[in-house]
Protein backbone atom coordinates (compact mmCIF):
# COMPACT_ATOMS: atom_id res chain seq x y z
CA MET A 1 92.52 76.42 102.91
CA SER A 2 92.91 75.55 99.25
CA LYS A 3 96.13 74.22 97.67
CA MET A 4 95.68 76.11 94.39
CA ASN A 5 98.48 77.92 92.63
CA ASN A 6 98.16 81.63 91.78
CA ASN A 7 97.10 80.94 88.20
CA GLU A 8 94.22 78.69 89.31
CA ARG A 9 93.15 81.23 91.94
CA GLY A 10 93.14 83.95 89.28
CA HIS A 11 90.88 81.92 86.99
CA ILE A 12 88.38 81.24 89.78
CA THR A 13 88.43 84.86 90.95
CA GLY A 14 87.39 86.10 87.51
CA MET A 15 84.61 83.56 86.94
CA PRO A 16 81.09 84.97 86.49
CA GLY A 17 78.98 84.88 89.63
CA THR A 18 81.94 84.57 92.00
CA GLU A 19 83.03 86.81 94.81
CA THR A 20 86.49 86.63 96.36
CA ARG A 21 87.44 88.47 99.53
CA VAL A 22 91.01 89.19 100.56
CA THR A 23 91.20 89.36 104.36
CA LEU A 24 94.24 90.31 106.41
CA TYR A 25 94.69 88.77 109.86
CA PRO A 26 97.05 91.14 111.71
CA GLN A 27 97.93 88.63 114.42
CA ARG A 28 99.32 86.25 111.74
CA LEU A 29 101.87 88.81 110.56
CA GLY A 30 105.35 88.71 112.03
CA VAL A 31 106.23 91.47 114.48
CA ARG A 32 108.79 93.02 112.14
CA MET A 33 106.40 93.04 109.16
CA ARG A 34 103.51 94.41 111.19
CA ASN A 35 105.67 97.19 112.70
CA SER A 36 107.01 98.07 109.25
CA ILE A 37 103.46 98.41 107.87
CA ILE A 38 102.36 100.47 110.89
CA ARG A 39 105.35 102.82 110.47
CA MET A 40 104.61 103.27 106.74
CA LEU A 41 100.95 104.07 107.42
CA GLU A 42 101.71 106.48 110.28
CA ASN A 43 104.32 108.34 108.21
CA ARG A 44 102.19 108.09 105.05
CA VAL A 45 105.27 107.01 103.08
CA LEU A 46 105.64 103.57 101.49
CA GLU A 47 109.11 102.07 101.76
CA GLY A 48 110.74 98.99 100.31
CA GLY A 49 111.11 97.58 96.84
CA TRP A 50 108.41 96.57 94.38
CA SER A 51 108.44 93.00 95.74
CA SER A 52 108.17 94.02 99.43
CA ASN A 53 105.15 92.33 100.99
CA SER A 54 105.01 94.95 103.76
CA ARG A 55 104.81 97.68 101.13
CA LYS A 56 102.08 95.83 99.21
CA ILE A 57 99.95 95.40 102.34
CA ALA A 58 100.44 99.05 103.40
CA GLN A 59 99.52 100.21 99.89
CA ALA A 60 96.40 98.02 99.81
CA LEU A 61 95.28 99.35 103.19
CA ALA A 62 95.94 102.94 102.09
CA VAL A 63 93.79 102.42 98.99
CA LYS A 64 91.03 100.71 100.97
CA TYR A 65 90.78 103.53 103.52
CA GLY A 66 91.50 106.44 101.16
CA LEU A 67 94.78 107.36 102.83
CA GLN A 68 97.06 109.42 100.60
CA VAL A 69 100.62 108.03 100.80
CA GLY A 70 103.89 108.93 99.14
CA SER A 71 106.68 106.51 98.30
CA ASN A 72 110.34 106.24 99.16
CA ASN A 73 112.38 104.53 96.45
CA TRP A 74 116.06 103.77 96.13
CA ASN A 75 116.74 107.13 94.50
CA GLY A 76 114.22 109.53 95.95
CA LEU A 77 110.87 110.30 97.44
CA ARG A 78 107.34 111.05 96.20
CA VAL A 79 106.05 114.02 98.18
CA LEU A 80 102.31 114.37 98.77
CA GLY A 81 100.59 117.13 100.70
CA LEU A 82 103.44 119.63 101.11
CA THR A 83 102.66 122.48 103.49
CA PRO A 84 104.14 125.99 103.19
CA GLN A 85 105.88 125.51 106.58
CA ALA A 86 107.56 122.27 105.49
CA ALA A 87 108.91 123.55 102.16
CA PRO A 88 111.89 125.67 103.40
CA PRO A 89 113.56 122.99 105.58
CA ILE A 90 112.98 120.36 102.88
CA LYS A 91 114.50 122.70 100.30
CA GLU A 92 117.64 123.04 102.46
CA ILE A 93 117.98 119.25 102.74
CA VAL A 94 117.44 118.71 99.01
CA HIS A 95 120.05 121.37 98.21
CA ALA A 96 122.56 119.81 100.63
CA ASP A 97 121.93 116.34 99.15
CA TRP A 98 122.38 117.68 95.61
CA THR A 99 125.58 119.53 96.55
CA ALA A 100 127.11 116.45 98.17
CA TRP A 101 126.08 114.31 95.21
CA THR A 102 127.62 116.61 92.61
CA LEU A 103 130.86 116.79 94.61
CA GLU A 104 131.07 113.00 94.42
CA GLU A 105 130.06 112.85 90.75
CA PRO A 106 130.68 116.17 88.94
CA THR A 107 129.19 114.89 85.65
CA TYR A 108 125.72 115.03 87.24
CA ARG A 109 125.79 118.85 87.22
CA GLN A 110 124.40 118.74 83.67
CA GLY A 111 121.67 116.77 81.94
CA TYR A 112 118.97 114.56 83.43
CA TYR A 113 119.89 114.82 87.12
CA LYS A 114 120.30 118.59 86.92
CA GLU A 115 116.77 118.79 85.50
CA GLN A 116 115.48 116.58 88.33
CA TYR A 117 117.03 118.92 90.89
CA VAL A 118 115.70 122.07 89.17
CA ASN A 119 112.20 120.56 88.94
CA ALA A 120 112.22 119.55 92.61
CA MET A 121 113.31 123.02 93.73
CA ALA A 122 110.63 124.63 91.52
CA SER A 123 107.99 122.31 93.01
CA LEU A 124 109.13 123.22 96.53
CA ASP A 125 109.00 126.95 95.67
CA ALA A 126 105.51 126.55 94.19
CA ASN A 127 104.33 124.44 97.15
CA ASP A 128 103.16 121.66 94.80
CA GLN A 129 101.08 118.94 96.40
CA ASN A 130 102.39 115.96 94.40
CA PHE A 131 105.93 115.70 93.00
CA TYR A 132 109.05 113.55 93.08
CA ILE A 133 112.43 114.50 94.54
CA THR A 134 115.52 112.63 93.36
CA MET A 135 117.76 112.17 96.41
CA HIS A 136 120.63 109.80 97.10
CA ASP A 137 121.44 109.98 100.78
CA LYS A 138 119.16 107.72 102.82
CA GLU A 139 119.57 109.86 105.93
CA SER A 140 118.46 112.95 103.97
CA ILE A 141 115.39 111.06 102.75
CA ARG A 142 114.57 110.10 106.36
CA LYS A 143 114.88 113.76 107.41
CA VAL A 144 112.46 114.83 104.68
CA ILE A 145 110.00 112.12 105.76
CA ALA A 146 110.25 113.34 109.37
CA ILE A 147 109.57 116.94 108.30
CA LEU A 148 106.58 115.88 106.20
CA THR A 149 105.23 113.83 109.12
CA ASP A 150 105.65 116.74 111.55
CA HIS A 151 103.80 119.11 109.18
CA THR A 152 100.85 116.84 108.43
CA SER A 153 97.39 118.16 109.25
CA GLN A 154 95.72 116.74 112.36
CA GLU A 155 92.94 115.26 110.24
CA LEU A 156 95.42 113.26 108.13
CA ARG A 157 97.35 112.21 111.24
CA ASP A 158 94.17 110.92 112.85
CA LYS A 159 93.20 109.06 109.70
CA SER A 160 96.63 107.44 109.32
CA MET A 161 96.71 106.52 113.03
CA HIS A 162 93.26 104.92 112.70
CA VAL A 163 94.40 102.76 109.78
CA ALA A 164 97.68 101.88 111.55
CA ASN A 165 95.80 100.97 114.73
CA LEU A 166 93.80 98.39 112.80
CA LEU A 167 97.04 96.41 112.56
CA ARG A 168 97.62 96.66 116.30
CA GLY A 169 94.33 94.87 116.91
CA THR A 170 93.33 91.26 116.36
CA GLU A 171 90.24 91.78 114.22
CA PRO A 172 90.49 90.62 110.59
CA ILE A 173 90.67 93.43 108.02
CA GLU A 174 88.93 92.95 104.70
CA ILE A 175 91.22 94.53 102.16
CA ILE A 176 89.37 94.01 98.89
CA THR A 177 86.52 92.08 97.31
CA PHE A 178 86.72 90.83 93.72
CA GLN A 179 83.47 90.15 91.90
CA GLY A 180 83.41 88.09 88.72
């Protein structure tokens, strides 16, 4: 294993005639990190901040295997693949979250956050397949994720389980290959 810093590795990776492979060894991950990645892949929702290594690995695996995933941020959730059956219960949760939020902070009833709420409700009514919901209660976000997971097609469930099961094994997983 080389003792190069990231800058030196970047220069070598981009050199003409080179090929760099990034390989993940699941058995070298800590139990907590591996379980976090598995949970994200099974639910098809990335969690954690921009610097979260678990999130980065889950996102790289999703890209590699063509798995469509949403994201859960500190103030909301990216929804992908909404089904007509999932929209009504999600709409109720979003409305309850918005109501509680405006009771705590009445100034949010106007302006930017009001527009976010209106746009989310319109997307839910239209059964959009890719949109963002601004939410502030973590438990409400978890409920929406559970509903989305329950209403995922069997094909997508199988695909996400296959990718998650790769982390349960001991075989190395090639994530990406860079060619200079």
